[in-house]
Amino acid sequence: MGRIDEIADRYVDDWAELNPTGATNVGISGYDDKTDDLSPEGYAAQAELVRRTVNDLDLIEPDHESEQVAKEAMLERLGLELARLDAGFTATEVSVISSGLHGLRMAFDVMPTEGEQAVANIAARLRDFPGALAQYRRTLLEGADKGLVSARSQLVAVAEQCDAWTDPTRDNFFHGLADRLDVSGALAAELRRGASEATGATSDFGRFLREELAPRGRAKEAAGPERYELASQYFLGARVDQQETYLWGFAELHRLETEMRAVSAVIAGPGATVDQAVAVLDADPARNIAGKERFRDWMQALSDRAVSELDGAHFDIEPPARKLECCLTPTSDGGIYYTGPSEDFSRPGRMWWAVPEGQDVFSTWREVTTVYHEGVPGHHLQVSQTLLRAGSLNRWRRLLAWCSGHGEGWALYAERLMDELGYLTDPGDRLGMLDGQALRAARVIVDIGMHLELEIPRDNPFGFHPGERWTPELGWEFLRAHTRMAEEVLRFEWKRYLGWPGQAPSYKVGERIWLLARQEAEQRKGSDFDLKAFHRDALDLGPLGLDPLRKALARI
């Protein structure tokens, strides 16, 4: 083991001590009964760990290519994380999808539930939940005293999530968790007590957000140039020209909608609009499934088929990576996401869907590429194959080196790849893929435009409010006009963009950089270029910021 790998492995151990719920999420055993320190001192300890590790790395010269990649990757990721910690953003940002509260709650979704020790771990975390939220409350108040506070609308929206999680007639998350566990006696009583305390603490935290913090929240949701630039670089692992990327978003959305109109004519007849084609698809009983459990089963069957058919032909998928579980979350927030396997694969990779309240009919044509995005060849292949590279990648590279632009960019690239490989010949499925791509292109426009409060181009191809400045209201109007998601799902998406600046563009811009990396490899290798080998070489590097990825691929 080289010196850089030693530093990396030591960092993982120290990080897990400071981030027990994070350790649970990435599958490091031994921390499931512990809860993060969300106090100002806890965040300061995280910053000190990152700073010490960066300083240690700076003193070492790599001995070989693998160490060179590892050093570049760690300095890029940890350097940006340190910048966010020092700026106070990591500790104080609260949005409908990301906060200290969300990290605490979502850890329960992936915790083991079988056996007395697993249940005891859940009970211990439930017992510690109120204390962790008290620490977090102090962090948020101290941040607010320094002018570091999230937008008022985000704080109110998260308070509303707290209401849903704790309402006995809605998600009833903590009591529902306790009710699902097979346990009796003293442990059952402890579990119920913990569920009640966690429910009460979450409800109180919602009141705190609504009544104490929201009045101090920012009236304006726009991040502004300085904060947005750091966020964009953090999520992409690359520096991009925001103005050029913003204008590219308009061109890309226009290209995709032109393709969508062509496919719509195949579905609904010559001259048909996209909305008319959508109406035809939604009226087709064969393309609709009633009941979220039946829809989950449909997703599982599609995922299993993709793994079976791609393995050996386009990817070499090792046995532990062939299992993906499609799951429904016990909450109704509206998000779709992936969680990776545990380090030893005792917990499989899982695709999760938090079905919005009231939705009971699901359109298959919209979600075929969602399965490819979250499963294979998307996130599940990417994350699982990385975990299996223990012989060549240190633990930090396998477990913690996540970069949204790399991960989400790859998953969106994977959707396009499945079209390229002939898996989207059905016009409805292809329209679903294009509609999803269009949403991601619209995100680029809206996210950059709203947070930088840019002028809407006077010559934009949609004739949309030319010359006006972006506002959240115009962002909603634009999304509503250019996507076909259910309103409650799109409303969650819109709130997410406003509260998580820079993350939403990482999908489409990440895909753009992945396509550029592939084009560069084709140019370097000429007739020797092999697509399957390119995918293998790129994924074997593990997650990287996209600038380090392109550098590393150029040396292969």
Protein backbone atom coordinates (compact mmCIF):
# COMPACT_ATOMS: atom_id res chain seq x y z
CA MET A 1 0.00 0.00 0.00
CA GLY A 2 1.36 3.40 -0.99
CA ARG A 3 1.53 6.45 1.25
CA ILE A 4 -1.40 8.14 -0.45
CA ASP A 5 -3.54 5.05 0.01
CA GLU A 6 -2.57 4.98 3.68
CA ILE A 7 -3.71 8.60 4.09
CA ALA A 8 -6.93 7.80 2.21
CA ASP A 9 -7.76 4.77 4.32
CA ARG A 10 -7.02 6.64 7.54
CA TYR A 11 -9.29 9.44 6.39
CA VAL A 12 -12.16 6.97 5.86
CA ASP A 13 -11.77 5.64 9.41
CA ASP A 14 -11.66 9.13 10.92
CA TRP A 15 -14.53 10.34 8.72
CA ALA A 16 -16.74 7.43 9.80
CA GLU A 17 -16.18 8.31 13.46
CA LEU A 18 -17.43 11.84 12.76
CA ASN A 19 -20.21 10.80 10.37
CA PRO A 20 -21.89 7.61 11.69
CA THR A 21 -25.02 8.05 9.55
CA GLY A 22 -22.78 8.63 6.54
CA ALA A 23 -20.96 5.41 7.41
CA THR A 24 -24.30 3.61 7.42
CA ASN A 25 -25.17 5.07 4.02
CA VAL A 26 -21.96 3.92 2.37
CA GLY A 27 -22.09 0.56 4.11
CA ILE A 28 -19.27 0.78 6.68
CA SER A 29 -20.19 -1.52 9.56
CA GLY A 30 -19.89 -0.72 13.24
CA TYR A 31 -21.61 2.68 13.38
CA ASP A 32 -25.32 1.91 13.12
CA ASP A 33 -25.98 2.62 16.80
CA LYS A 34 -24.36 6.07 16.69
CA THR A 35 -25.57 9.50 15.56
CA ASP A 36 -23.68 12.43 14.04
CA ASP A 37 -22.56 15.40 16.10
CA LEU A 38 -24.46 18.22 14.38
CA SER A 39 -23.24 20.93 16.75
CA PRO A 40 -20.92 23.74 15.60
CA GLU A 41 -18.10 21.82 17.26
CA GLY A 42 -18.99 18.71 15.26
CA TYR A 43 -18.79 20.58 11.96
CA ALA A 44 -15.52 22.20 13.08
CA ALA A 45 -14.08 18.72 13.72
CA GLN A 46 -15.03 17.69 10.19
CA ALA A 47 -13.29 20.74 8.75
CA GLU A 48 -10.17 20.01 10.79
CA LEU A 49 -10.05 16.42 9.52
CA VAL A 50 -10.31 17.57 5.91
CA ARG A 51 -7.70 20.31 6.42
CA ARG A 52 -5.24 17.88 8.04
CA THR A 53 -5.71 15.36 5.23
CA VAL A 54 -5.19 17.96 2.50
CA ASN A 55 -1.98 19.10 4.22
CA ASP A 56 -0.74 15.50 4.44
CA LEU A 57 -1.44 14.90 0.76
CA ASP A 58 0.39 18.07 -0.28
CA LEU A 59 3.63 16.66 1.17
CA ILE A 60 3.66 13.47 -0.92
CA GLU A 61 4.77 12.93 -4.51
CA PRO A 62 2.96 10.02 -6.21
CA ASP A 63 5.08 6.98 -7.07
CA HIS A 64 2.91 5.71 -9.95
CA GLU A 65 -0.16 6.51 -12.05
CA SER A 66 -2.72 5.09 -9.64
CA GLU A 67 -1.32 7.27 -6.85
CA GLN A 68 -1.32 10.27 -9.19
CA VAL A 69 -5.03 9.78 -9.90
CA ALA A 70 -5.76 9.22 -6.22
CA LYS A 71 -3.95 12.39 -5.16
CA GLU A 72 -5.60 14.53 -7.84
CA ALA A 73 -9.01 13.12 -6.95
CA MET A 74 -8.66 13.64 -3.20
CA LEU A 75 -7.23 17.15 -3.44
CA GLU A 76 -10.00 18.21 -5.80
CA ARG A 77 -12.86 16.73 -3.75
CA LEU A 78 -11.52 17.55 -0.28
CA GLY A 79 -10.37 21.00 -1.31
CA LEU A 80 -13.88 21.95 -2.36
CA GLU A 81 -15.42 20.30 0.69
CA LEU A 82 -13.10 22.33 2.90
CA ALA A 83 -14.08 25.52 1.08
CA ARG A 84 -17.76 24.76 1.73
CA LEU A 85 -17.13 23.91 5.38
CA ASP A 86 -15.04 27.04 5.96
CA ALA A 87 -17.69 29.19 4.27
CA GLY A 88 -20.32 27.72 6.61
CA PHE A 89 -22.47 26.32 3.80
CA THR A 90 -22.21 22.64 4.78
CA ALA A 91 -23.46 23.32 8.30
CA THR A 92 -26.20 25.85 7.56
CA GLU A 93 -27.78 25.02 4.20
CA VAL A 94 -31.31 23.63 4.58
CA SER A 95 -33.31 22.52 1.57
CA VAL A 96 -36.15 20.13 0.82
CA ILE A 97 -33.65 17.43 -0.16
CA SER A 98 -30.44 18.09 1.76
CA SER A 99 -29.76 19.08 5.37
CA GLY A 100 -28.55 17.63 8.63
CA LEU A 101 -32.15 16.64 9.36
CA HIS A 102 -32.50 14.77 6.06
CA GLY A 103 -29.25 12.90 6.66
CA LEU A 104 -30.47 11.73 10.06
CA ARG A 105 -33.87 10.60 8.79
CA MET A 106 -32.73 8.92 5.58
CA ALA A 107 -30.16 6.79 7.40
CA PHE A 108 -33.04 4.71 8.77
CA ASP A 109 -34.03 3.76 5.19
CA VAL A 110 -30.84 1.74 4.68
CA MET A 111 -30.22 0.35 8.16
CA PRO A 112 -30.36 -3.44 8.62
CA THR A 113 -33.64 -4.53 10.23
CA GLU A 114 -33.20 -8.27 10.72
CA GLY A 115 -32.17 -9.59 14.12
CA GLU A 116 -32.14 -8.23 17.65
CA GLN A 117 -28.88 -6.30 17.27
CA ALA A 118 -30.13 -4.51 14.15
CA VAL A 119 -33.32 -3.47 15.94
CA ALA A 120 -31.30 -2.38 18.99
CA ASN A 121 -29.23 -0.15 16.69
CA ILE A 122 -32.39 1.46 15.33
CA ALA A 123 -33.69 1.99 18.85
CA ALA A 124 -30.39 3.63 19.84
CA ARG A 125 -30.56 6.03 16.89
CA LEU A 126 -34.17 6.88 17.64
CA ARG A 127 -33.20 7.59 21.24
CA ASP A 128 -30.39 9.92 20.12
CA PHE A 129 -32.51 11.70 17.50
CA PRO A 130 -33.78 14.51 19.77
CA GLY A 131 -30.26 15.31 20.98
CA ALA A 132 -28.92 15.47 17.43
CA LEU A 133 -31.69 17.86 16.41
CA ALA A 134 -30.96 20.04 19.45
CA GLN A 135 -27.32 20.25 18.32
CA TYR A 136 -28.40 21.07 14.79
CA ARG A 137 -30.75 23.78 16.04
CA ARG A 138 -27.79 25.45 17.79
CA THR A 139 -25.71 25.23 14.61
CA LEU A 140 -28.45 26.84 12.54
CA LEU A 141 -29.01 29.64 15.06
CA GLU A 142 -25.30 30.43 15.30
CA GLY A 143 -25.14 30.45 11.51
CA ALA A 144 -28.08 32.83 11.33
CA ASP A 145 -26.29 35.16 13.77
CA LYS A 146 -23.47 35.32 11.19
CA GLY A 147 -25.84 35.91 8.29
CA LEU A 148 -25.64 32.29 7.10
CA VAL A 149 -29.25 31.20 6.77
CA SER A 150 -31.25 29.53 4.02
CA ALA A 151 -34.11 31.07 2.09
CA ARG A 152 -37.31 31.52 4.07
CA SER A 153 -39.33 29.49 1.57
CA GLN A 154 -37.01 26.47 1.93
CA LEU A 155 -37.22 26.56 5.71
CA VAL A 156 -41.02 26.61 5.57
CA ALA A 157 -41.04 23.78 3.01
CA VAL A 158 -38.85 21.59 5.24
CA ALA A 159 -41.15 22.40 8.18
CA GLU A 160 -43.98 21.05 6.03
CA GLN A 161 -41.96 17.87 5.46
CA CYS A 162 -41.60 17.51 9.22
CA ASP A 163 -45.39 17.81 9.45
CA ALA A 164 -45.85 14.99 6.94
CA TRP A 165 -43.26 12.71 8.54
CA THR A 166 -44.89 13.01 11.97
CA ASP A 167 -48.59 13.08 11.07
CA PRO A 168 -50.32 9.79 12.06
CA THR A 169 -52.61 10.15 9.01
CA ARG A 170 -49.75 10.76 6.57
CA ASP A 171 -46.19 9.31 6.56
CA ASN A 172 -46.04 8.69 10.34
CA PHE A 173 -42.42 7.75 9.66
CA PHE A 174 -40.95 6.88 13.04
CA HIS A 175 -43.94 5.00 14.43
CA GLY A 176 -44.35 3.24 11.10
CA LEU A 177 -40.70 2.15 11.27
CA ALA A 178 -41.17 0.74 14.76
CA ASP A 179 -44.37 -1.06 13.77
CA ARG A 180 -42.62 -2.84 10.87
CA LEU A 181 -39.92 -4.38 13.08
CA ASP A 182 -40.45 -7.86 14.49
CA VAL A 183 -39.46 -7.51 18.13
CA SER A 184 -41.06 -7.92 21.55
CA GLY A 185 -40.42 -7.38 25.23
CA ALA A 186 -38.13 -4.68 26.60
CA LEU A 187 -36.59 -3.94 23.21
CA ALA A 188 -40.04 -3.36 21.69
CA ALA A 189 -40.86 -0.92 24.49
CA GLU A 190 -37.55 0.90 23.94
CA LEU A 191 -38.25 1.06 20.22
CA ARG A 192 -41.73 2.54 20.73
CA ARG A 193 -40.35 5.04 23.23
CA GLY A 194 -37.65 6.09 20.77
CA ALA A 195 -40.18 6.44 17.97
CA SER A 196 -42.34 8.70 20.13
CA GLU A 197 -39.37 10.84 21.14
CA ALA A 198 -38.07 11.13 17.57
CA THR A 199 -41.58 12.03 16.37
CA GLY A 200 -41.92 14.72 19.02
CA ALA A 201 -38.44 16.10 18.32
CA THR A 202 -39.08 16.24 14.56
CA SER A 203 -42.41 17.95 15.06
CA ASP A 204 -40.75 20.48 17.39
CA PHE A 205 -37.96 21.00 14.86
CA GLY A 206 -40.56 21.81 12.23
CA ARG A 207 -42.03 24.44 14.54
CA PHE A 208 -38.52 25.81 15.14
CA LEU A 209 -37.93 26.14 11.41
CA ARG A 210 -41.29 27.79 10.80
CA GLU A 211 -41.47 30.10 13.82
CA GLU A 212 -37.86 30.90 14.79
CA LEU A 213 -35.58 30.41 11.79
CA ALA A 214 -37.85 31.22 8.83
CA PRO A 215 -38.44 34.82 9.99
CA ARG A 216 -34.65 35.23 9.83
CA GLY A 217 -34.39 33.44 6.48
CA ARG A 218 -33.36 35.12 3.25
CA ALA A 219 -36.25 36.65 1.35
CA LYS A 220 -34.43 36.08 -1.93
CA GLU A 221 -33.72 32.50 -3.02
CA ALA A 222 -31.04 33.38 -5.56
CA ALA A 223 -27.59 32.19 -4.44
CA GLY A 224 -25.64 34.93 -6.20
CA PRO A 225 -22.44 34.56 -8.29
CA GLU A 226 -19.88 33.79 -5.55
CA ARG A 227 -21.88 31.11 -3.78
CA TYR A 228 -23.12 29.66 -7.05
CA GLU A 229 -19.65 29.36 -8.58
CA LEU A 230 -18.41 27.34 -5.59
CA ALA A 231 -21.52 25.16 -5.61
CA SER A 232 -21.25 24.50 -9.35
CA GLN A 233 -17.61 23.51 -9.11
CA TYR A 234 -18.32 21.29 -6.11
CA PHE A 235 -21.15 19.42 -7.82
CA LEU A 236 -19.40 19.10 -11.19
CA GLY A 237 -15.81 18.63 -10.17
CA ALA A 238 -15.10 21.01 -13.04
CA ARG A 239 -15.00 24.71 -13.76
CA VAL A 240 -17.42 25.79 -16.47
CA ASP A 241 -18.31 29.13 -18.01
CA GLN A 242 -21.74 29.77 -16.50
CA GLN A 243 -22.88 32.15 -19.24
CA GLU A 244 -21.84 29.76 -22.03
CA THR A 245 -23.44 26.83 -20.21
CA TYR A 246 -26.65 28.82 -19.70
CA LEU A 247 -26.91 29.61 -23.43
CA TRP A 248 -26.02 26.00 -24.32
CA GLY A 249 -28.96 24.91 -22.17
CA PHE A 250 -31.37 26.80 -24.46
CA ALA A 251 -29.82 25.23 -27.57
CA GLU A 252 -29.88 21.75 -26.08
CA LEU A 253 -33.50 22.02 -24.95
CA HIS A 254 -34.50 23.25 -28.41
CA ARG A 255 -32.70 20.28 -30.01
CA LEU A 256 -34.42 17.81 -27.71
CA GLU A 257 -37.88 19.29 -28.25
CA THR A 258 -37.36 19.10 -32.02
CA GLU A 259 -36.65 15.37 -31.63
CA MET A 260 -39.68 15.01 -29.36
CA ARG A 261 -41.97 16.48 -32.01
CA ALA A 262 -40.64 13.99 -34.56
CA VAL A 263 -41.31 11.05 -32.22
CA SER A 264 -44.73 12.47 -31.36
CA ALA A 265 -45.71 12.33 -35.03
CA VAL A 266 -44.96 8.60 -35.00
CA ILE A 267 -47.11 8.11 -31.89
CA ALA A 268 -50.09 10.33 -32.66
CA GLY A 269 -49.91 11.02 -36.39
CA PRO A 270 -48.35 13.66 -38.66
CA GLY A 271 -48.37 17.14 -37.17
CA ALA A 272 -49.16 15.91 -33.66
CA THR A 273 -47.87 17.95 -30.77
CA VAL A 274 -45.92 16.45 -27.90
CA ASP A 275 -48.90 16.94 -25.60
CA GLN A 276 -51.14 15.06 -28.03
CA ALA A 277 -48.66 12.18 -28.11
CA VAL A 278 -48.55 12.17 -24.31
CA ALA A 279 -52.35 11.99 -24.21
CA VAL A 280 -52.28 8.96 -26.54
CA LEU A 281 -49.69 7.22 -24.35
CA ASP A 282 -51.49 8.00 -21.11
CA ALA A 283 -54.76 6.66 -22.55
CA ASP A 284 -53.14 3.32 -23.42
CA PRO A 285 -54.02 0.79 -20.67
CA ALA A 286 -50.94 -1.24 -21.57
CA ARG A 287 -48.73 1.69 -20.53
CA ASN A 288 -50.33 2.33 -17.14
CA ILE A 289 -50.08 0.41 -13.89
CA ALA A 290 -52.39 0.95 -10.92
CA GLY A 291 -50.90 0.56 -7.45
CA LYS A 292 -47.40 1.52 -6.33
CA GLU A 293 -46.50 -2.04 -5.30
CA ARG A 294 -47.34 -3.36 -8.76
CA PHE A 295 -45.33 -0.53 -10.30
CA ARG A 296 -42.37 -1.39 -8.08
CA ASP A 297 -42.57 -4.97 -9.34
CA TRP A 298 -42.59 -3.73 -12.94
CA MET A 299 -39.44 -1.69 -12.27
CA GLN A 300 -37.78 -4.72 -10.68
CA ALA A 301 -38.51 -6.92 -13.70
CA LEU A 302 -37.17 -4.29 -16.11
CA SER A 303 -34.03 -3.85 -14.02
CA ASP A 304 -33.39 -7.60 -13.87
CA ARG A 305 -33.80 -7.88 -17.63
CA ALA A 306 -31.36 -5.03 -18.30
CA VAL A 307 -28.71 -6.63 -16.09
CA SER A 308 -29.13 -9.99 -17.79
CA GLU A 309 -28.95 -8.67 -21.34
CA LEU A 310 -26.14 -6.11 -20.90
CA ASP A 311 -23.83 -8.43 -18.97
CA GLY A 312 -21.18 -9.86 -21.27
CA ALA A 313 -22.40 -7.96 -24.31
CA HIS A 314 -21.71 -4.33 -23.41
CA PHE A 315 -20.39 -4.55 -19.84
CA ASP A 316 -18.83 -7.26 -17.73
CA ILE A 317 -21.01 -7.19 -14.61
CA GLU A 318 -19.54 -9.16 -11.73
CA PRO A 319 -21.92 -11.39 -9.73
CA PRO A 320 -22.26 -9.20 -6.60
CA ALA A 321 -23.28 -6.27 -8.82
CA ARG A 322 -26.06 -8.17 -10.56
CA LYS A 323 -28.54 -7.65 -7.73
CA LEU A 324 -30.52 -4.41 -7.49
CA GLU A 325 -33.62 -4.03 -5.33
CA CYS A 326 -36.39 -1.62 -6.38
CA CYS A 327 -38.01 -0.18 -3.25
CA LEU A 328 -40.70 2.23 -2.12
CA THR A 329 -39.75 4.65 0.65
CA PRO A 330 -41.93 5.07 3.74
CA THR A 331 -42.15 8.82 2.98
CA SER A 332 -44.00 10.76 0.28
CA ASP A 333 -41.52 13.52 -0.60
CA GLY A 334 -41.58 12.77 -4.34
CA GLY A 335 -37.89 11.99 -4.86
CA ILE A 336 -36.29 9.08 -6.74
CA TYR A 337 -32.78 8.08 -5.71
CA TYR A 338 -30.25 5.26 -5.44
CA THR A 339 -28.38 3.91 -2.43
CA GLY A 340 -25.31 1.77 -2.97
CA PRO A 341 -24.47 -1.64 -1.55
CA SER A 342 -22.67 -2.00 1.75
CA GLU A 343 -18.94 -2.49 1.57
CA ASP A 344 -19.32 -6.27 1.83
CA PHE A 345 -22.46 -6.40 -0.38
CA SER A 346 -24.54 -7.87 2.45
CA ARG A 347 -26.87 -4.95 1.75
CA PRO A 348 -27.60 -4.74 -1.99
CA GLY A 349 -27.85 -1.61 -4.08
CA ARG A 350 -31.36 -0.16 -4.06
CA MET A 351 -33.45 2.17 -6.19
CA TRP A 352 -35.92 4.15 -4.06
CA TRP A 353 -39.07 6.03 -4.94
CA ALA A 354 -40.88 8.31 -2.48
CA VAL A 355 -44.27 8.22 -4.18
CA PRO A 356 -46.15 11.54 -3.73
CA GLU A 357 -49.32 11.51 -1.71
CA GLY A 358 -52.34 10.71 -3.85
CA GLN A 359 -50.49 9.15 -6.80
CA ASP A 360 -51.69 5.62 -7.54
CA VAL A 361 -51.43 5.31 -11.34
CA PHE A 362 -48.03 5.14 -12.99
CA SER A 363 -47.01 5.52 -16.64
CA THR A 364 -44.41 2.99 -17.74
CA TRP A 365 -43.36 5.00 -20.79
CA ARG A 366 -42.15 7.80 -18.52
CA GLU A 367 -40.04 5.57 -16.28
CA VAL A 368 -38.21 3.06 -18.49
CA THR A 369 -35.13 5.24 -18.59
CA THR A 370 -35.48 6.07 -14.90
CA VAL A 371 -34.75 2.40 -14.23
CA TYR A 372 -31.73 2.53 -16.54
CA HIS A 373 -30.58 5.76 -14.85
CA GLU A 374 -30.80 4.45 -11.28
CA GLY A 375 -29.93 0.85 -12.08
CA VAL A 376 -27.86 -0.65 -14.91
CA PRO A 377 -26.02 0.78 -16.75
CA GLY A 378 -26.50 3.86 -14.53
CA HIS A 379 -25.78 4.36 -10.85
CA HIS A 380 -25.92 0.75 -9.74
CA LEU A 381 -23.36 -0.43 -12.27
CA GLN A 382 -21.14 2.57 -11.61
CA VAL A 383 -21.21 2.31 -7.80
CA SER A 384 -21.07 -1.48 -7.57
CA GLN A 385 -18.20 -1.85 -10.02
CA THR A 386 -16.25 0.74 -8.03
CA LEU A 387 -16.84 -1.12 -4.76
CA LEU A 388 -15.50 -4.29 -6.36
CA ARG A 389 -12.15 -2.68 -7.26
CA ALA A 390 -10.62 -3.27 -3.82
CA GLY A 391 -7.41 -4.48 -5.45
CA SER A 392 -6.80 -1.19 -7.27
CA LEU A 393 -8.79 1.53 -5.49
CA ASN A 394 -8.30 2.64 -1.89
CA ARG A 395 -11.29 2.84 0.45
CA TRP A 396 -11.77 6.57 -0.03
CA ARG A 397 -12.00 6.13 -3.79
CA ARG A 398 -14.45 3.24 -3.40
CA LEU A 399 -16.65 4.66 -0.65
CA LEU A 400 -16.45 8.44 -0.39
CA ALA A 401 -15.25 9.93 -3.67
CA TRP A 402 -18.74 10.78 -4.95
CA CYS A 403 -19.10 13.68 -7.34
CA SER A 404 -22.56 14.56 -8.64
CA GLY A 405 -21.32 15.58 -12.09
CA HIS A 406 -19.51 12.27 -12.46
CA GLY A 407 -22.33 10.14 -11.01
CA GLU A 408 -25.41 11.90 -12.35
CA GLY A 409 -23.65 12.74 -15.59
CA TRP A 410 -22.83 9.06 -16.08
CA ALA A 411 -26.40 8.01 -15.26
CA LEU A 412 -27.83 10.45 -17.81
CA TYR A 413 -25.22 9.31 -20.32
CA ALA A 414 -26.37 5.75 -19.57
CA GLU A 415 -29.93 6.66 -20.61
CA ARG A 416 -28.66 7.99 -23.94
CA LEU A 417 -26.43 4.93 -24.29
CA MET A 418 -29.42 2.59 -23.95
CA ASP A 419 -31.02 4.42 -26.86
CA GLU A 420 -27.78 4.01 -28.81
CA LEU A 421 -27.74 0.27 -28.00
CA GLY A 422 -31.27 -0.21 -29.33
CA TYR A 423 -33.23 -0.47 -26.06
CA LEU A 424 -35.57 2.44 -26.79
CA THR A 425 -37.01 1.50 -30.17
CA ASP A 426 -40.55 1.79 -28.78
CA PRO A 427 -41.60 5.38 -29.61
CA GLY A 428 -43.28 5.86 -26.22
CA ASP A 429 -40.20 4.76 -24.30
CA ARG A 430 -38.03 6.99 -26.48
CA LEU A 431 -40.32 9.95 -25.88
CA GLY A 432 -40.02 9.28 -22.15
CA MET A 433 -36.22 9.36 -22.43
CA LEU A 434 -36.28 12.59 -24.44
CA ASP A 435 -38.72 14.18 -21.99
CA GLY A 436 -36.41 13.29 -19.11
CA GLN A 437 -33.45 14.72 -20.99
CA ALA A 438 -35.46 17.87 -21.73
CA LEU A 439 -36.19 18.28 -18.01
CA ARG A 440 -32.45 18.11 -17.29
CA ALA A 441 -31.74 20.70 -20.02
CA ALA A 442 -34.47 22.95 -18.62
CA ARG A 443 -32.81 22.58 -15.22
CA VAL A 444 -29.59 24.03 -16.61
CA ILE A 445 -31.43 27.11 -17.84
CA VAL A 446 -33.60 27.60 -14.78
CA ASP A 447 -30.98 26.84 -12.12
CA ILE A 448 -28.30 29.10 -13.55
CA GLY A 449 -30.83 31.73 -14.57
CA MET A 450 -32.66 31.93 -11.24
CA HIS A 451 -29.60 31.82 -8.99
CA LEU A 452 -27.60 34.34 -11.01
CA GLU A 453 -30.74 36.36 -11.84
CA LEU A 454 -29.69 36.49 -15.48
CA GLU A 455 -31.51 38.16 -18.33
CA ILE A 456 -33.59 35.79 -20.44
CA PRO A 457 -32.07 35.96 -23.95
CA ARG A 458 -34.05 38.24 -26.21
CA ASP A 459 -33.63 35.77 -29.06
CA ASN A 460 -34.37 32.60 -27.07
CA PRO A 461 -35.92 29.91 -29.30
CA PHE A 462 -39.09 29.66 -27.20
CA GLY A 463 -40.06 33.32 -27.17
CA PHE A 464 -40.16 33.05 -23.38
CA HIS A 465 -40.28 36.45 -21.65
CA PRO A 466 -37.40 37.88 -23.73
CA GLY A 467 -35.26 40.42 -21.93
CA GLU A 468 -36.79 39.84 -18.48
CA ARG A 469 -34.81 38.76 -15.42
CA TRP A 470 -35.33 35.27 -13.99
CA THR A 471 -37.38 34.89 -10.83
CA PRO A 472 -38.58 31.72 -9.10
CA GLU A 473 -42.05 32.35 -10.54
CA LEU A 474 -40.67 32.49 -14.08
CA GLY A 475 -38.67 29.36 -13.33
CA TRP A 476 -41.88 27.52 -12.43
CA GLU A 477 -43.64 28.82 -15.54
CA PHE A 478 -40.76 27.65 -17.75
CA LEU A 479 -40.59 24.20 -16.18
CA ARG A 480 -44.35 23.78 -16.44
CA ALA A 481 -44.22 24.70 -20.14
CA HIS A 482 -41.34 22.40 -21.04
CA THR A 483 -41.90 19.24 -18.98
CA ARG A 484 -44.75 16.78 -18.57
CA MET A 485 -44.30 15.63 -14.99
CA ALA A 486 -47.18 15.42 -12.55
CA GLU A 487 -47.56 18.81 -10.87
CA GLU A 488 -46.78 17.56 -7.36
CA VAL A 489 -43.57 15.88 -8.57
CA LEU A 490 -42.47 18.92 -10.57
CA ARG A 491 -43.27 21.20 -7.63
CA PHE A 492 -40.82 19.20 -5.51
CA GLU A 493 -38.21 19.43 -8.28
CA TRP A 494 -38.60 23.21 -8.50
CA LYS A 495 -38.27 23.64 -4.74
CA ARG A 496 -35.19 21.43 -4.82
CA TYR A 497 -33.45 23.60 -7.44
CA LEU A 498 -34.13 26.74 -5.43
CA GLY A 499 -32.65 25.26 -2.26
CA TRP A 500 -29.73 23.29 -3.71
CA PRO A 501 -27.97 25.68 -6.13
CA GLY A 502 -25.65 24.14 -8.69
CA GLN A 503 -26.75 20.52 -8.21
CA ALA A 504 -29.51 20.26 -10.81
CA PRO A 505 -27.29 21.23 -13.79
CA SER A 506 -24.76 18.55 -12.82
CA TYR A 507 -26.87 15.93 -14.64
CA LYS A 508 -26.94 17.47 -18.10
CA VAL A 509 -23.63 19.31 -17.86
CA GLY A 510 -22.10 16.14 -16.42
CA GLU A 511 -23.42 14.17 -19.37
CA ARG A 512 -21.99 16.82 -21.71
CA ILE A 513 -18.52 16.39 -20.17
CA TRP A 514 -18.80 12.56 -20.27
CA LEU A 515 -19.63 12.79 -23.99
CA LEU A 516 -16.65 15.11 -24.48
CA ALA A 517 -14.38 12.63 -22.66
CA ARG A 518 -15.62 9.86 -24.96
CA GLN A 519 -15.05 12.03 -28.03
CA GLU A 520 -11.52 12.83 -26.87
CA ALA A 521 -10.81 9.10 -26.38
CA GLU A 522 -12.12 8.34 -29.87
CA GLN A 523 -9.83 11.01 -31.34
CA ARG A 524 -6.79 9.73 -29.39
CA LYS A 525 -7.28 6.07 -30.26
CA GLY A 526 -8.70 6.33 -33.76
CA SER A 527 -9.49 2.91 -35.21
CA ASP A 528 -8.35 1.27 -31.95
CA PHE A 529 -11.18 2.87 -29.98
CA ASP A 530 -13.44 0.30 -28.32
CA LEU A 531 -16.60 1.52 -26.57
CA LYS A 532 -16.80 -1.33 -24.09
CA ALA A 533 -13.14 -0.81 -23.14
CA PHE A 534 -13.69 2.94 -22.76
CA HIS A 535 -16.55 2.35 -20.32
CA ARG A 536 -14.51 -0.21 -18.38
CA ASP A 537 -11.42 2.01 -18.16
CA ALA A 538 -13.46 5.06 -17.12
CA LEU A 539 -15.48 3.26 -14.43
CA ASP A 540 -12.40 1.47 -13.11
CA LEU A 541 -10.98 4.87 -12.15
CA GLY A 542 -13.76 5.20 -9.58
CA PRO A 543 -15.65 8.45 -8.99
CA LEU A 544 -13.69 11.59 -9.84
CA GLY A 545 -14.37 15.23 -10.33
CA LEU A 546 -14.92 15.67 -14.06
CA ASP A 547 -11.77 17.73 -14.63
CA PRO A 548 -9.58 15.05 -12.96
CA LEU A 549 -11.49 12.37 -14.92
CA ARG A 550 -10.58 13.90 -18.27
CA LYS A 551 -6.94 14.26 -17.18
CA ALA A 552 -6.77 10.63 -16.04
CA LEU A 553 -8.42 9.29 -19.22
CA ALA A 554 -5.99 11.29 -21.35
CA ARG A 555 -3.13 9.30 -19.79
CA ILE A 556 -4.65 5.88 -20.54
